[in-house]
Amino acid sequence: MPEFDDFDRRTLFETALVVALVVGVLVAVLVITTPLGATTIAVIAAIAYVGGVTLTMLLAAG
């Protein structure tokens, strides 16, 4: 089984940063453009974040 080297860590870290930025932009857009409550926006952002992290892990594993 190959070891998790520095390149893999750097790539995963960069991808996690992109996911965090996308979630931040999503939340900002929802806050500005919709009359949704804070709880609804937080739930949508959490779902987007978990989905993004899960997809990142699946791509890194495969």
C-alpha atoms as a PDB file:
ATOM      1  CA  MET A   1       0.000   0.000   0.000  1.00  0.00           C
ATOM      2  CA  PRO A   2       1.540   3.368  -0.998  1.00  0.00           C
ATOM      3  CA  GLU A   3       2.298   5.914   1.665  1.00  0.00           C
ATOM      4  CA  PHE A   4       0.518   9.243   1.914  1.00  0.00           C
ATOM      5  CA  ASP A   5       3.352  11.512   0.744  1.00  0.00           C
ATOM      6  CA  ASP A   6       3.771  15.295   0.815  1.00  0.00           C
ATOM      7  CA  PHE A   7       2.357  15.726  -2.682  1.00  0.00           C
ATOM      8  CA  ASP A   8      -0.900  14.023  -1.700  1.00  0.00           C
ATOM      9  CA  ARG A   9      -1.165  16.149   1.431  1.00  0.00           C
ATOM     10  CA  ARG A  10      -0.548  19.360  -0.492  1.00  0.00           C
ATOM     11  CA  THR A  11      -3.123  18.458  -3.142  1.00  0.00           C
ATOM     12  CA  LEU A  12      -5.705  17.531  -0.514  1.00  0.00           C
ATOM     13  CA  PHE A  13      -5.017  20.751   1.399  1.00  0.00           C
ATOM     14  CA  GLU A  14      -5.409  22.861  -1.756  1.00  0.00           C
ATOM     15  CA  THR A  15      -8.660  21.097  -2.614  1.00  0.00           C
ATOM     16  CA  ALA A  16      -9.976  21.658   0.903  1.00  0.00           C
ATOM     17  CA  LEU A  17      -9.210  25.371   0.542  1.00  0.00           C
ATOM     18  CA  VAL A  18     -11.173  25.517  -2.709  1.00  0.00           C
ATOM     19  CA  VAL A  19     -14.105  23.713  -1.063  1.00  0.00           C
ATOM     20  CA  ALA A  20     -14.040  26.184   1.834  1.00  0.00           C
ATOM     21  CA  LEU A  21     -13.986  29.157  -0.560  1.00  0.00           C
ATOM     22  CA  VAL A  22     -16.896  27.772  -2.576  1.00  0.00           C
ATOM     23  CA  VAL A  23     -18.936  27.247   0.600  1.00  0.00           C
ATOM     24  CA  GLY A  24     -18.116  30.786   1.705  1.00  0.00           C
ATOM     25  CA  VAL A  25     -19.258  32.215  -1.629  1.00  0.00           C
ATOM     26  CA  LEU A  26     -22.430  30.091  -1.500  1.00  0.00           C
ATOM     27  CA  VAL A  27     -23.282  31.387   1.956  1.00  0.00           C
ATOM     28  CA  ALA A  28     -22.581  34.986   0.915  1.00  0.00           C
ATOM     29  CA  VAL A  29     -24.818  34.661  -2.145  1.00  0.00           C
ATOM     30  CA  LEU A  30     -27.612  33.094  -0.097  1.00  0.00           C
ATOM     31  CA  VAL A  31     -27.409  35.817   2.538  1.00  0.00           C
ATOM     32  CA  ILE A  32     -27.472  38.602  -0.048  1.00  0.00           C
ATOM     33  CA  THR A  33     -30.044  37.279  -2.504  1.00  0.00           C
ATOM     34  CA  THR A  34     -32.577  35.232  -0.551  1.00  0.00           C
ATOM     35  CA  PRO A  35     -35.005  35.857   2.294  1.00  0.00           C
ATOM     36  CA  LEU A  36     -34.104  32.503   3.892  1.00  0.00           C
ATOM     37  CA  GLY A  37     -33.456  32.457   7.596  1.00  0.00           C
ATOM     38  CA  ALA A  38     -30.017  32.038   9.101  1.00  0.00           C
ATOM     39  CA  THR A  39     -30.746  28.450  10.142  1.00  0.00           C
ATOM     40  CA  THR A  40     -31.738  27.415   6.614  1.00  0.00           C
ATOM     41  CA  ILE A  41     -28.635  29.033   5.155  1.00  0.00           C
ATOM     42  CA  ALA A  42     -26.430  27.323   7.757  1.00  0.00           C
ATOM     43  CA  VAL A  43     -27.966  23.929   6.932  1.00  0.00           C
ATOM     44  CA  ILE A  44     -27.436  24.446   3.191  1.00  0.00           C
ATOM     45  CA  ALA A  45     -23.828  25.533   3.779  1.00  0.00           C
ATOM     46  CA  ALA A  46     -23.156  22.528   6.021  1.00  0.00           C
ATOM     47  CA  ILE A  47     -24.577  20.144   3.435  1.00  0.00           C
ATOM     48  CA  ALA A  48     -22.481  21.756   0.691  1.00  0.00           C
ATOM     49  CA  TYR A  49     -19.344  21.564   2.844  1.00  0.00           C
ATOM     50  CA  VAL A  50     -19.845  17.927   3.827  1.00  0.00           C
ATOM     51  CA  GLY A  51     -20.626  17.023   0.219  1.00  0.00           C
ATOM     52  CA  GLY A  52     -17.513  18.806  -0.995  1.00  0.00           C
ATOM     53  CA  VAL A  53     -15.255  17.209   1.592  1.00  0.00           C
ATOM     54  CA  THR A  54     -16.741  13.785   0.879  1.00  0.00           C
ATOM     55  CA  LEU A  55     -16.186  14.237  -2.857  1.00  0.00           C
ATOM     56  CA  THR A  56     -12.623  15.392  -2.186  1.00  0.00           C
ATOM     57  CA  MET A  57     -11.899  12.306  -0.115  1.00  0.00           C
ATOM     58  CA  LEU A  58     -13.418  10.012  -2.736  1.00  0.00           C
ATOM     59  CA  LEU A  59     -11.360  11.606  -5.488  1.00  0.00           C
ATOM     60  CA  ALA A  60      -8.201  11.426  -3.367  1.00  0.00           C
ATOM     61  CA  ALA A  61      -8.830   7.751  -2.566  1.00  0.00           C
ATOM     62  CA  GLY A  62      -9.560   6.760  -6.155  1.00  0.00           C
END
